[in-house]
Amino acid sequence: MRRDETAVALRTRLRHVYWIGGGSGAGKSTVARRIAARCGMSVYSTDEAMADHAARSTREDTPYLARFLNMSMDERWVDRSPETMLETFHWFRGEGFGLIVDDLVRLPAETGVIAEGFRLLPALVKPLLAEPGHALWLLPTPEFRRTAFDRRGWAIPHRTGDPELARHNLLERDRMFTDRLFAETERLGLPAIEVDPAMSEEELTGRVAQAWGL
């Protein structure tokens, strides 16, 4: 089978999948669960699959992940600049994305599936879209992200020797990642919603459902 035929086959197999990508702390999981509950769909969380995908990966397939796993917490989050953290973070580079696709292909196609998580990078998702309107990215403002992390807790920074610097590095890295997503969705003509502190969960859920025609 030629590569273009493989892409067509995958788009057909995944036509029941709706995709929510976006920056950390944007509300992807909450929105996915709320819409799934309303519409009788299931949710596939790429965050929850990370440990399994790391275990299923080889050093050759995911070299950035292998290096990350060998680092201490300070080496990951304190000793490097946010720019380096952004460029070398394995999931931001698309490592393991094929395992996401493998998981989704195995799920029953009789009901809709909402796949959600920051690992759903626009350039990787777009070739899989049978319906262009089945994907959407949530782009949190820095204020929204900080508020979300304050509510969620700062588990990673408190496992380092300099929690304040680690917190700063994480916020800055994720800000730059969100900026990158904004540029990519614009370039690829994919829909995105900016999420700010004034937007309620109900309003955001409604906007995503409306964009999908649900």
N, C-alpha and C. Protein backbone atom coordinates (compact mmCIF):
# COMPACT_ATOMS: atom_id res chain seq x y z
N MET A 1 0.84 -1.20 0.00
CA MET A 1 0.00 0.00 0.00
C MET A 1 0.88 1.25 0.00
N ARG A 2 0.59 2.16 -0.91
CA ARG A 2 1.37 3.39 -0.97
C ARG A 2 1.05 4.26 0.22
N ARG A 3 1.99 5.22 0.51
CA ARG A 3 1.82 6.08 1.68
C ARG A 3 0.53 6.88 1.62
N ASP A 4 0.15 7.40 0.42
CA ASP A 4 -1.07 8.19 0.33
C ASP A 4 -2.30 7.32 0.56
N GLU A 5 -2.24 6.04 0.13
CA GLU A 5 -3.34 5.13 0.39
C GLU A 5 -3.45 4.82 1.89
N THR A 6 -2.32 4.71 2.56
CA THR A 6 -2.33 4.48 4.00
C THR A 6 -3.00 5.65 4.72
N ALA A 7 -2.67 6.87 4.31
CA ALA A 7 -3.26 8.05 4.93
C ALA A 7 -4.77 8.07 4.72
N VAL A 8 -5.22 7.72 3.53
CA VAL A 8 -6.67 7.68 3.26
C VAL A 8 -7.33 6.63 4.13
N ALA A 9 -6.70 5.48 4.27
CA ALA A 9 -7.27 4.40 5.09
C ALA A 9 -7.36 4.83 6.55
N LEU A 10 -6.35 5.50 7.06
CA LEU A 10 -6.38 5.97 8.45
C LEU A 10 -7.46 7.01 8.66
N ARG A 11 -7.60 7.94 7.71
CA ARG A 11 -8.66 8.95 7.84
C ARG A 11 -10.02 8.28 7.91
N THR A 12 -10.22 7.25 7.12
CA THR A 12 -11.49 6.53 7.14
C THR A 12 -11.69 5.82 8.47
N ARG A 13 -10.64 5.16 8.97
CA ARG A 13 -10.74 4.44 10.24
C ARG A 13 -11.00 5.38 11.42
N LEU A 14 -10.52 6.62 11.31
CA LEU A 14 -10.59 7.55 12.43
C LEU A 14 -11.64 8.64 12.23
N ARG A 15 -12.56 8.45 11.31
CA ARG A 15 -13.53 9.51 11.02
C ARG A 15 -14.49 9.75 12.18
N HIS A 16 -14.60 8.81 13.13
CA HIS A 16 -15.47 8.98 14.29
C HIS A 16 -14.76 9.69 15.45
N VAL A 17 -13.49 10.07 15.26
CA VAL A 17 -12.70 10.68 16.33
C VAL A 17 -12.77 12.20 16.24
N TYR A 18 -12.98 12.84 17.38
CA TYR A 18 -12.89 14.29 17.51
C TYR A 18 -11.64 14.58 18.34
N TRP A 19 -10.91 15.62 17.96
CA TRP A 19 -9.60 15.88 18.56
C TRP A 19 -9.59 17.23 19.29
N ILE A 20 -9.15 17.23 20.55
CA ILE A 20 -8.94 18.48 21.28
C ILE A 20 -7.47 18.54 21.71
N GLY A 21 -6.73 19.43 21.05
CA GLY A 21 -5.35 19.69 21.46
C GLY A 21 -5.27 21.03 22.16
N GLY A 22 -4.07 21.44 22.48
CA GLY A 22 -3.91 22.76 23.08
C GLY A 22 -2.86 22.81 24.17
N GLY A 23 -2.68 23.99 24.71
CA GLY A 23 -1.68 24.21 25.74
C GLY A 23 -2.09 23.60 27.07
N SER A 24 -1.11 23.42 27.95
CA SER A 24 -1.37 22.85 29.27
C SER A 24 -2.28 23.78 30.08
N GLY A 25 -3.21 23.16 30.82
CA GLY A 25 -4.09 23.93 31.69
C GLY A 25 -5.24 24.63 30.99
N ALA A 26 -5.51 24.26 29.72
CA ALA A 26 -6.54 24.96 28.95
C ALA A 26 -7.94 24.44 29.19
N GLY A 27 -8.09 23.30 29.86
CA GLY A 27 -9.41 22.73 30.09
C GLY A 27 -9.78 21.63 29.12
N LYS A 28 -8.81 21.05 28.43
CA LYS A 28 -9.10 20.03 27.43
C LYS A 28 -9.83 18.82 28.02
N SER A 29 -9.32 18.32 29.14
CA SER A 29 -9.92 17.13 29.76
C SER A 29 -11.33 17.41 30.23
N THR A 30 -11.54 18.57 30.85
CA THR A 30 -12.87 18.92 31.35
C THR A 30 -13.87 19.02 30.21
N VAL A 31 -13.50 19.72 29.16
CA VAL A 31 -14.40 19.88 28.01
C VAL A 31 -14.70 18.53 27.37
N ALA A 32 -13.67 17.71 27.21
CA ALA A 32 -13.86 16.39 26.58
C ALA A 32 -14.84 15.55 27.39
N ARG A 33 -14.68 15.53 28.70
CA ARG A 33 -15.57 14.72 29.55
C ARG A 33 -17.00 15.24 29.49
N ARG A 34 -17.15 16.56 29.52
CA ARG A 34 -18.51 17.13 29.52
C ARG A 34 -19.24 16.82 28.21
N ILE A 35 -18.55 16.99 27.08
CA ILE A 35 -19.20 16.73 25.79
C ILE A 35 -19.47 15.24 25.64
N ALA A 36 -18.52 14.41 26.05
CA ALA A 36 -18.71 12.96 25.94
C ALA A 36 -19.92 12.50 26.74
N ALA A 37 -20.09 13.05 27.95
CA ALA A 37 -21.22 12.67 28.79
C ALA A 37 -22.55 13.08 28.15
N ARG A 38 -22.56 14.24 27.51
CA ARG A 38 -23.79 14.73 26.88
C ARG A 38 -24.14 13.94 25.63
N CYS A 39 -23.13 13.50 24.90
CA CYS A 39 -23.36 12.94 23.57
C CYS A 39 -23.17 11.43 23.50
N GLY A 40 -22.92 10.77 24.64
CA GLY A 40 -22.74 9.34 24.63
C GLY A 40 -21.48 8.89 23.93
N MET A 41 -20.42 9.68 24.08
CA MET A 41 -19.13 9.37 23.45
C MET A 41 -18.15 8.90 24.52
N SER A 42 -17.01 8.39 24.09
CA SER A 42 -15.96 8.01 25.01
C SER A 42 -14.80 8.99 24.89
N VAL A 43 -13.93 9.00 25.90
CA VAL A 43 -12.79 9.92 25.92
C VAL A 43 -11.50 9.11 25.92
N TYR A 44 -10.58 9.51 25.07
CA TYR A 44 -9.22 8.94 25.07
C TYR A 44 -8.28 10.05 25.51
N SER A 45 -7.67 9.87 26.70
CA SER A 45 -6.75 10.86 27.25
C SER A 45 -5.32 10.51 26.89
N THR A 46 -4.67 11.36 26.11
CA THR A 46 -3.27 11.09 25.78
C THR A 46 -2.36 11.25 26.99
N ASP A 47 -2.76 12.07 27.97
CA ASP A 47 -1.98 12.18 29.20
C ASP A 47 -1.95 10.85 29.94
N GLU A 48 -3.12 10.21 30.06
CA GLU A 48 -3.20 8.95 30.79
C GLU A 48 -2.43 7.84 30.08
N ALA A 49 -2.20 7.99 28.78
CA ALA A 49 -1.48 6.96 28.02
C ALA A 49 0.03 7.17 28.04
N MET A 50 0.51 8.27 28.63
CA MET A 50 1.94 8.59 28.53
C MET A 50 2.83 7.50 29.13
N ALA A 51 2.50 7.02 30.33
CA ALA A 51 3.35 6.01 30.97
C ALA A 51 3.40 4.73 30.13
N ASP A 52 2.25 4.31 29.62
CA ASP A 52 2.20 3.12 28.77
C ASP A 52 3.01 3.33 27.50
N HIS A 53 2.90 4.50 26.90
CA HIS A 53 3.63 4.76 25.66
C HIS A 53 5.13 4.83 25.90
N ALA A 54 5.53 5.39 27.04
CA ALA A 54 6.96 5.41 27.37
C ALA A 54 7.48 3.98 27.52
N ALA A 55 6.70 3.11 28.14
CA ALA A 55 7.11 1.73 28.33
C ALA A 55 7.17 0.97 27.01
N ARG A 56 6.33 1.35 26.05
CA ARG A 56 6.27 0.66 24.76
C ARG A 56 7.26 1.23 23.75
N SER A 57 7.95 2.30 24.11
CA SER A 57 8.85 2.97 23.17
C SER A 57 10.27 2.41 23.26
N THR A 58 10.99 2.53 22.17
CA THR A 58 12.40 2.14 22.15
C THR A 58 13.26 3.39 22.11
N ARG A 59 14.50 3.26 22.53
CA ARG A 59 15.43 4.39 22.51
C ARG A 59 15.61 4.92 21.09
N GLU A 60 15.57 4.03 20.12
CA GLU A 60 15.75 4.45 18.72
C GLU A 60 14.56 5.27 18.23
N ASP A 61 13.35 4.89 18.65
CA ASP A 61 12.15 5.58 18.18
C ASP A 61 11.92 6.90 18.92
N THR A 62 12.34 6.96 20.18
CA THR A 62 12.07 8.15 21.01
C THR A 62 13.35 8.58 21.74
N PRO A 63 14.33 9.10 21.01
CA PRO A 63 15.60 9.47 21.65
C PRO A 63 15.47 10.60 22.66
N TYR A 64 14.58 11.56 22.41
CA TYR A 64 14.41 12.66 23.36
C TYR A 64 13.78 12.17 24.65
N LEU A 65 12.83 11.24 24.55
CA LEU A 65 12.24 10.64 25.74
C LEU A 65 13.30 9.89 26.54
N ALA A 66 14.16 9.14 25.86
CA ALA A 66 15.20 8.38 26.56
C ALA A 66 16.11 9.31 27.35
N ARG A 67 16.49 10.44 26.75
CA ARG A 67 17.36 11.39 27.46
C ARG A 67 16.62 12.00 28.65
N PHE A 68 15.35 12.31 28.46
CA PHE A 68 14.56 12.92 29.53
C PHE A 68 14.45 11.99 30.72
N LEU A 69 14.22 10.71 30.47
CA LEU A 69 14.06 9.75 31.55
C LEU A 69 15.33 9.57 32.37
N ASN A 70 16.48 9.86 31.76
CA ASN A 70 17.75 9.72 32.46
C ASN A 70 18.14 10.96 33.25
N MET A 71 17.33 12.03 33.17
CA MET A 71 17.64 13.27 33.88
C MET A 71 17.05 13.25 35.29
N SER A 72 17.70 13.97 36.20
CA SER A 72 17.11 14.23 37.51
C SER A 72 16.04 15.30 37.37
N MET A 73 15.24 15.50 38.40
CA MET A 73 14.21 16.53 38.36
C MET A 73 14.81 17.92 38.16
N ASP A 74 15.94 18.20 38.81
CA ASP A 74 16.58 19.50 38.62
C ASP A 74 17.11 19.65 37.20
N GLU A 75 17.65 18.58 36.65
CA GLU A 75 18.14 18.65 35.27
C GLU A 75 16.98 18.90 34.30
N ARG A 76 15.83 18.37 34.60
CA ARG A 76 14.68 18.56 33.71
C ARG A 76 14.10 19.97 33.80
N TRP A 77 13.94 20.48 35.03
CA TRP A 77 13.09 21.65 35.24
C TRP A 77 13.81 22.88 35.81
N VAL A 78 15.05 22.73 36.26
CA VAL A 78 15.75 23.86 36.89
C VAL A 78 16.99 24.27 36.10
N ASP A 79 17.79 23.31 35.68
CA ASP A 79 19.11 23.60 35.13
C ASP A 79 19.09 24.05 33.68
N ARG A 80 17.97 23.87 32.98
CA ARG A 80 17.91 24.23 31.57
C ARG A 80 16.99 25.42 31.37
N SER A 81 17.22 26.16 30.28
CA SER A 81 16.37 27.31 29.98
C SER A 81 15.02 26.83 29.46
N PRO A 82 13.98 27.65 29.59
CA PRO A 82 12.68 27.29 29.02
C PRO A 82 12.75 27.01 27.53
N GLU A 83 13.61 27.74 26.82
CA GLU A 83 13.75 27.53 25.37
C GLU A 83 14.27 26.12 25.09
N THR A 84 15.28 25.69 25.85
CA THR A 84 15.82 24.34 25.67
C THR A 84 14.79 23.30 26.06
N MET A 85 14.07 23.56 27.15
CA MET A 85 13.02 22.63 27.58
C MET A 85 11.96 22.46 26.49
N LEU A 86 11.61 23.56 25.83
CA LEU A 86 10.61 23.51 24.76
C LEU A 86 11.10 22.67 23.59
N GLU A 87 12.32 22.93 23.16
CA GLU A 87 12.83 22.30 21.95
C GLU A 87 13.17 20.83 22.14
N THR A 88 13.42 20.41 23.37
CA THR A 88 13.86 19.03 23.59
C THR A 88 12.81 18.16 24.26
N PHE A 89 11.63 18.73 24.60
CA PHE A 89 10.62 17.91 25.27
C PHE A 89 10.04 16.92 24.27
N HIS A 90 10.13 15.64 24.60
CA HIS A 90 9.82 14.57 23.66
C HIS A 90 8.41 14.63 23.09
N TRP A 91 7.41 14.87 23.98
CA TRP A 91 6.03 14.89 23.48
C TRP A 91 5.79 16.10 22.58
N PHE A 92 6.46 17.23 22.84
CA PHE A 92 6.32 18.40 21.98
C PHE A 92 6.93 18.15 20.60
N ARG A 93 7.82 17.20 20.51
CA ARG A 93 8.45 16.87 19.23
C ARG A 93 7.67 15.78 18.48
N GLY A 94 6.58 15.32 19.08
CA GLY A 94 5.75 14.32 18.41
C GLY A 94 6.17 12.89 18.64
N GLU A 95 7.15 12.67 19.52
CA GLU A 95 7.54 11.29 19.79
C GLU A 95 6.36 10.54 20.42
N GLY A 96 6.16 9.31 20.00
CA GLY A 96 5.08 8.49 20.53
C GLY A 96 3.72 8.77 19.92
N PHE A 97 3.63 9.68 18.95
CA PHE A 97 2.32 9.98 18.37
C PHE A 97 1.74 8.76 17.65
N GLY A 98 2.60 7.97 17.03
CA GLY A 98 2.11 6.77 16.35
C GLY A 98 1.41 5.81 17.29
N LEU A 99 1.82 5.80 18.56
CA LEU A 99 1.16 4.93 19.54
C LEU A 99 -0.24 5.44 19.88
N ILE A 100 -0.41 6.77 19.85
CA ILE A 100 -1.75 7.34 20.02
C ILE A 100 -2.66 6.85 18.89
N VAL A 101 -2.16 6.93 17.68
CA VAL A 101 -2.95 6.48 16.52
C VAL A 101 -3.27 5.00 16.63
N ASP A 102 -2.28 4.20 17.03
CA ASP A 102 -2.52 2.76 17.20
C ASP A 102 -3.64 2.51 18.20
N ASP A 103 -3.59 3.24 19.33
CA ASP A 103 -4.64 3.06 20.35
C ASP A 103 -6.01 3.43 19.81
N LEU A 104 -6.08 4.54 19.09
CA LEU A 104 -7.37 5.00 18.58
C LEU A 104 -7.95 4.04 17.54
N VAL A 105 -7.11 3.48 16.71
CA VAL A 105 -7.57 2.54 15.69
C VAL A 105 -8.19 1.31 16.34
N ARG A 106 -7.70 0.93 17.53
CA ARG A 106 -8.22 -0.27 18.20
C ARG A 106 -9.56 -0.02 18.90
N LEU A 107 -9.93 1.22 19.11
CA LEU A 107 -11.18 1.51 19.82
C LEU A 107 -12.38 1.26 18.91
N PRO A 108 -13.51 0.86 19.50
CA PRO A 108 -14.71 0.62 18.68
C PRO A 108 -15.12 1.88 17.92
N ALA A 109 -15.52 1.71 16.69
CA ALA A 109 -15.90 2.85 15.85
C ALA A 109 -17.39 3.12 15.88
N GLU A 110 -18.14 2.32 16.65
CA GLU A 110 -19.59 2.48 16.65
C GLU A 110 -20.03 3.78 17.31
N THR A 111 -19.27 4.24 18.29
CA THR A 111 -19.59 5.50 18.96
C THR A 111 -18.44 6.47 18.78
N GLY A 112 -18.74 7.75 18.93
CA GLY A 112 -17.72 8.76 18.78
C GLY A 112 -16.69 8.70 19.89
N VAL A 113 -15.49 9.13 19.57
CA VAL A 113 -14.39 9.18 20.54
C VAL A 113 -13.82 10.60 20.54
N ILE A 114 -13.60 11.14 21.72
CA ILE A 114 -12.92 12.42 21.84
C ILE A 114 -11.51 12.15 22.34
N ALA A 115 -10.53 12.42 21.51
CA ALA A 115 -9.12 12.30 21.91
C ALA A 115 -8.66 13.68 22.38
N GLU A 116 -8.02 13.72 23.55
CA GLU A 116 -7.64 15.02 24.07
C GLU A 116 -6.24 14.98 24.68
N GLY A 117 -5.55 16.12 24.60
CA GLY A 117 -4.24 16.24 25.22
C GLY A 117 -3.32 17.15 24.43
N PHE A 118 -2.29 17.64 25.12
CA PHE A 118 -1.35 18.55 24.48
C PHE A 118 -0.49 17.85 23.43
N ARG A 119 -0.45 16.52 23.46
CA ARG A 119 0.37 15.76 22.51
C ARG A 119 -0.22 15.77 21.10
N LEU A 120 -1.44 16.25 20.95
CA LEU A 120 -2.10 16.26 19.64
C LEU A 120 -1.66 17.50 18.87
N LEU A 121 -0.50 17.41 18.25
CA LEU A 121 0.09 18.55 17.55
C LEU A 121 -0.61 18.76 16.21
N PRO A 122 -0.88 20.01 15.85
CA PRO A 122 -1.66 20.29 14.64
C PRO A 122 -1.13 19.62 13.38
N ALA A 123 0.18 19.67 13.15
CA ALA A 123 0.74 19.11 11.92
C ALA A 123 0.62 17.59 11.86
N LEU A 124 0.52 16.95 13.03
CA LEU A 124 0.37 15.49 13.05
C LEU A 124 -1.10 15.07 12.94
N VAL A 125 -1.99 15.88 13.47
CA VAL A 125 -3.41 15.54 13.44
C VAL A 125 -4.03 15.83 12.07
N LYS A 126 -3.65 16.91 11.45
CA LYS A 126 -4.34 17.33 10.21
C LYS A 126 -4.40 16.24 9.14
N PRO A 127 -3.33 15.48 8.88
CA PRO A 127 -3.43 14.44 7.84
C PRO A 127 -4.40 13.33 8.18
N LEU A 128 -4.85 13.23 9.44
CA LEU A 128 -5.75 12.17 9.85
C LEU A 128 -7.21 12.58 9.83
N LEU A 129 -7.49 13.82 9.46
CA LEU A 129 -8.84 14.36 9.55
C LEU A 129 -9.65 14.06 8.29
N ALA A 130 -10.64 13.18 8.44
CA ALA A 130 -11.60 12.98 7.35
C ALA A 130 -12.53 14.18 7.26
N GLU A 131 -12.82 14.78 8.43
CA GLU A 131 -13.64 15.98 8.51
C GLU A 131 -12.80 17.08 9.15
N PRO A 132 -12.43 18.14 8.42
CA PRO A 132 -11.57 19.18 8.98
C PRO A 132 -12.11 19.80 10.26
N GLY A 133 -13.44 19.82 10.40
CA GLY A 133 -14.04 20.43 11.57
C GLY A 133 -14.05 19.54 12.80
N HIS A 134 -13.43 18.37 12.73
CA HIS A 134 -13.41 17.45 13.87
C HIS A 134 -12.23 17.67 14.80
N ALA A 135 -11.46 18.71 14.59
CA ALA A 135 -10.31 18.99 15.46
C ALA A 135 -10.34 20.45 15.88
N LEU A 136 -9.85 20.69 17.09
CA LEU A 136 -9.85 22.05 17.62
C LEU A 136 -8.79 22.15 18.71
N TRP A 137 -8.15 23.33 18.79
CA TRP A 137 -7.10 23.54 19.78
C TRP A 137 -7.49 24.66 20.74
N LEU A 138 -7.28 24.41 22.02
CA LEU A 138 -7.56 25.39 23.07
C LEU A 138 -6.25 26.05 23.48
N LEU A 139 -6.22 27.38 23.39
CA LEU A 139 -4.99 28.13 23.63
C LEU A 139 -5.17 29.03 24.84
N PRO A 140 -4.68 28.61 26.02
CA PRO A 140 -4.88 29.40 27.24
C PRO A 140 -3.99 30.63 27.28
N THR A 141 -4.53 31.73 27.78
CA THR A 141 -3.69 32.90 28.04
C THR A 141 -2.79 32.57 29.23
N PRO A 142 -1.67 33.29 29.40
CA PRO A 142 -0.80 33.04 30.56
C PRO A 142 -1.54 33.17 31.88
N GLU A 143 -2.48 34.11 31.96
CA GLU A 143 -3.24 34.29 33.20
C GLU A 143 -4.12 33.08 33.48
N PHE A 144 -4.76 32.56 32.45
CA PHE A 144 -5.61 31.39 32.63
C PHE A 144 -4.78 30.18 33.04
N ARG A 145 -3.62 30.00 32.41
CA ARG A 145 -2.77 28.85 32.72
C ARG A 145 -2.29 28.89 34.17
N ARG A 146 -1.84 30.07 34.62
CA ARG A 146 -1.36 30.17 36.00
C ARG A 146 -2.49 29.87 36.99
N THR A 147 -3.69 30.39 36.72
CA THR A 147 -4.82 30.12 37.59
C THR A 147 -5.14 28.63 37.62
N ALA A 148 -5.09 27.98 36.46
CA ALA A 148 -5.37 26.55 36.38
C ALA A 148 -4.35 25.75 37.17
N PHE A 149 -3.07 26.12 37.05
CA PHE A 149 -2.03 25.40 37.79
C PHE A 149 -2.12 25.67 39.29
N ASP A 150 -2.53 26.89 39.66
CA ASP A 150 -2.69 27.18 41.09
C ASP A 150 -3.77 26.28 41.69
N ARG A 151 -4.86 26.05 40.93
CA ARG A 151 -5.93 25.18 41.41
C ARG A 151 -5.48 23.72 41.44
N ARG A 152 -4.75 23.34 40.42
CA ARG A 152 -4.34 21.95 40.27
C ARG A 152 -3.21 21.58 41.22
N GLY A 153 -2.39 22.53 41.58
CA GLY A 153 -1.22 22.26 42.42
C GLY A 153 0.04 22.21 41.58
N TRP A 154 1.17 22.39 42.22
CA TRP A 154 2.46 22.48 41.54
C TRP A 154 3.34 21.30 41.96
N ALA A 155 2.93 20.09 41.58
CA ALA A 155 3.63 18.89 42.03
C ALA A 155 5.07 18.83 41.52
N ILE A 156 5.28 19.15 40.25
CA ILE A 156 6.62 19.02 39.68
C ILE A 156 7.61 19.99 40.34
N PRO A 157 7.33 21.29 40.42
CA PRO A 157 8.31 22.20 41.04
C PRO A 157 8.71 21.80 42.45
N HIS A 158 7.79 21.28 43.24
CA HIS A 158 8.09 20.94 44.62
C HIS A 158 8.94 19.68 44.74
N ARG A 159 9.20 19.03 43.61
CA ARG A 159 10.09 17.87 43.62
C ARG A 159 11.49 18.24 43.15
N THR A 160 11.74 19.55 43.01
CA THR A 160 13.05 20.06 42.61
C THR A 160 13.70 20.80 43.77
N GLY A 161 14.97 21.17 43.55
CA GLY A 161 15.69 21.92 44.58
C GLY A 161 15.40 23.39 44.56
N ASP A 162 14.70 23.88 43.53
CA ASP A 162 14.37 25.30 43.41
C ASP A 162 12.96 25.43 42.84
N PRO A 163 11.95 25.24 43.67
CA PRO A 163 10.57 25.24 43.18
C PRO A 163 10.17 26.51 42.45
N GLU A 164 10.64 27.67 42.92
CA GLU A 164 10.25 28.93 42.28
C GLU A 164 10.79 29.02 40.86
N LEU A 165 12.05 28.66 40.66
CA LEU A 165 12.62 28.69 39.31
C LEU A 165 11.97 27.63 38.43
N ALA A 166 11.73 26.46 38.98
CA ALA A 166 11.07 25.41 38.19
C ALA A 166 9.68 25.85 37.75
N ARG A 167 8.95 26.52 38.65
CA ARG A 167 7.61 27.02 38.31
C ARG A 167 7.71 28.05 37.18
N HIS A 168 8.66 28.97 37.30
CA HIS A 168 8.86 29.97 36.24
C HIS A 168 9.19 29.29 34.92
N ASN A 169 10.10 28.32 34.94
CA ASN A 169 10.50 27.65 33.71
C ASN A 169 9.33 26.92 33.05
N LEU A 170 8.53 26.26 33.86
CA LEU A 170 7.38 25.54 33.32
C LEU A 170 6.38 26.50 32.67
N LEU A 171 6.07 27.58 33.36
CA LEU A 171 5.11 28.54 32.81
C LEU A 171 5.63 29.16 31.51
N GLU A 172 6.92 29.48 31.48
CA GLU A 172 7.48 30.10 30.28
C GLU A 172 7.54 29.10 29.13
N ARG A 173 7.96 27.87 29.43
CA ARG A 173 7.98 26.85 28.38
C ARG A 173 6.59 26.64 27.80
N ASP A 174 5.58 26.54 28.67
CA ASP A 174 4.22 26.30 28.19
C ASP A 174 3.65 27.51 27.46
N ARG A 175 4.06 28.72 27.85
CA ARG A 175 3.64 29.92 27.11
C ARG A 175 4.17 29.85 25.68
N MET A 176 5.44 29.50 25.53
CA MET A 176 6.03 29.41 24.20
C MET A 176 5.41 28.28 23.38
N PHE A 177 5.08 27.18 24.04
CA PHE A 177 4.41 26.08 23.35
C PHE A 177 3.04 26.52 22.83
N THR A 178 2.30 27.25 23.66
CA THR A 178 0.99 27.74 23.23
C THR A 178 1.13 28.72 22.07
N ASP A 179 2.14 29.59 22.12
CA ASP A 179 2.39 30.50 21.00
C ASP A 179 2.68 29.72 19.72
N ARG A 180 3.42 28.64 19.86
CA ARG A 180 3.72 27.81 18.69
C ARG A 180 2.45 27.17 18.13
N LEU A 181 1.59 26.70 19.03
CA LEU A 181 0.32 26.12 18.57
C LEU A 181 -0.53 27.16 17.85
N PHE A 182 -0.55 28.37 18.37
CA PHE A 182 -1.31 29.44 17.72
C PHE A 182 -0.81 29.64 16.29
N ALA A 183 0.51 29.71 16.12
CA ALA A 183 1.08 29.91 14.79
C ALA A 183 0.79 28.73 13.87
N GLU A 184 0.88 27.52 14.40
CA GLU A 184 0.67 26.32 13.58
C GLU A 184 -0.79 26.18 13.14
N THR A 185 -1.72 26.44 14.06
CA THR A 185 -3.12 26.32 13.67
C THR A 185 -3.48 27.37 12.62
N GLU A 186 -2.93 28.57 12.77
CA GLU A 186 -3.18 29.60 11.76
C GLU A 186 -2.61 29.18 10.41
N ARG A 187 -1.38 28.69 10.41
CA ARG A 187 -0.72 28.31 9.15
C ARG A 187 -1.44 27.17 8.46
N LEU A 188 -1.96 26.23 9.25
CA LEU A 188 -2.61 25.05 8.68
C LEU A 188 -4.11 25.23 8.48
N GLY A 189 -4.64 26.38 8.87
CA GLY A 189 -6.07 26.63 8.71
C GLY A 189 -6.94 25.78 9.61
N LEU A 190 -6.46 25.52 10.83
CA LEU A 190 -7.20 24.70 11.79
C LEU A 190 -7.82 25.58 12.86
N PRO A 191 -8.99 25.22 13.38
CA PRO A 191 -9.68 26.07 14.36
C PRO A 191 -9.02 26.04 15.73
N ALA A 192 -9.06 27.19 16.40
CA ALA A 192 -8.51 27.31 17.75
C ALA A 192 -9.36 28.31 18.52
N ILE A 193 -9.38 28.14 19.85
CA ILE A 193 -10.11 29.05 20.73
C ILE A 193 -9.16 29.54 21.81
N GLU A 194 -9.05 30.85 21.95
CA GLU A 194 -8.25 31.40 23.05
C GLU A 194 -9.08 31.32 24.32
N VAL A 195 -8.47 30.80 25.38
CA VAL A 195 -9.17 30.59 26.65
C VAL A 195 -8.60 31.56 27.68
N ASP A 196 -9.47 32.45 28.21
CA ASP A 196 -9.03 33.43 29.20
C ASP A 196 -9.81 33.26 30.49
N PRO A 197 -9.38 33.90 31.58
CA PRO A 197 -10.03 33.69 32.87
C PRO A 197 -11.51 34.06 32.91
N ALA A 198 -11.95 34.90 31.99
CA ALA A 198 -13.36 35.31 31.99
C ALA A 198 -14.29 34.25 31.41
N MET A 199 -13.72 33.22 30.81
CA MET A 199 -14.53 32.20 30.14
C MET A 199 -14.84 31.06 31.11
N SER A 200 -16.11 30.73 31.28
CA SER A 200 -16.50 29.65 32.18
C SER A 200 -16.35 28.30 31.48
N GLU A 201 -16.34 27.23 32.28
CA GLU A 201 -16.27 25.89 31.71
C GLU A 201 -17.47 25.62 30.81
N GLU A 202 -18.64 26.08 31.23
CA GLU A 202 -19.85 25.87 30.44
C GLU A 202 -19.77 26.59 29.10
N GLU A 203 -19.27 27.83 29.13
CA GLU A 203 -19.15 28.59 27.88
C GLU A 203 -18.15 27.93 26.95
N LEU A 204 -17.00 27.50 27.49
CA LEU A 204 -15.99 26.86 26.66
C LEU A 204 -16.52 25.55 26.08
N THR A 205 -17.19 24.76 26.90
CA THR A 205 -17.78 23.51 26.41
C THR A 205 -18.77 23.78 25.29
N GLY A 206 -19.59 24.80 25.46
CA GLY A 206 -20.56 25.15 24.44
C GLY A 206 -19.92 25.57 23.13
N ARG A 207 -18.85 26.33 23.23
CA ARG A 207 -18.17 26.78 22.00
C ARG A 207 -17.54 25.61 21.25
N VAL A 208 -16.95 24.67 22.00
CA VAL A 208 -16.35 23.51 21.33
C VAL A 208 -17.44 22.65 20.69
N ALA A 209 -18.50 22.38 21.44
CA ALA A 209 -19.60 21.58 20.90
C ALA A 209 -20.21 22.23 19.66
N GLN A 210 -20.36 23.54 19.70
CA GLN A 210 -20.91 24.25 18.54
C GLN A 210 -19.98 24.15 17.33
N ALA A 211 -18.68 24.29 17.59
CA ALA A 211 -17.71 24.19 16.50
C ALA A 211 -17.76 22.81 15.83
N TRP A 212 -18.07 21.79 16.62
CA TRP A 212 -18.16 20.44 16.09
C TRP A 212 -19.54 20.08 15.57
N GLY A 213 -20.49 20.96 15.77
CA GLY A 213 -21.85 20.66 15.33
C GLY A 213 -22.55 19.63 16.17
N LEU A 214 -22.19 19.55 17.45
CA LEU A 214 -22.78 18.56 18.36
C LEU A 214 -23.87 19.20 19.20
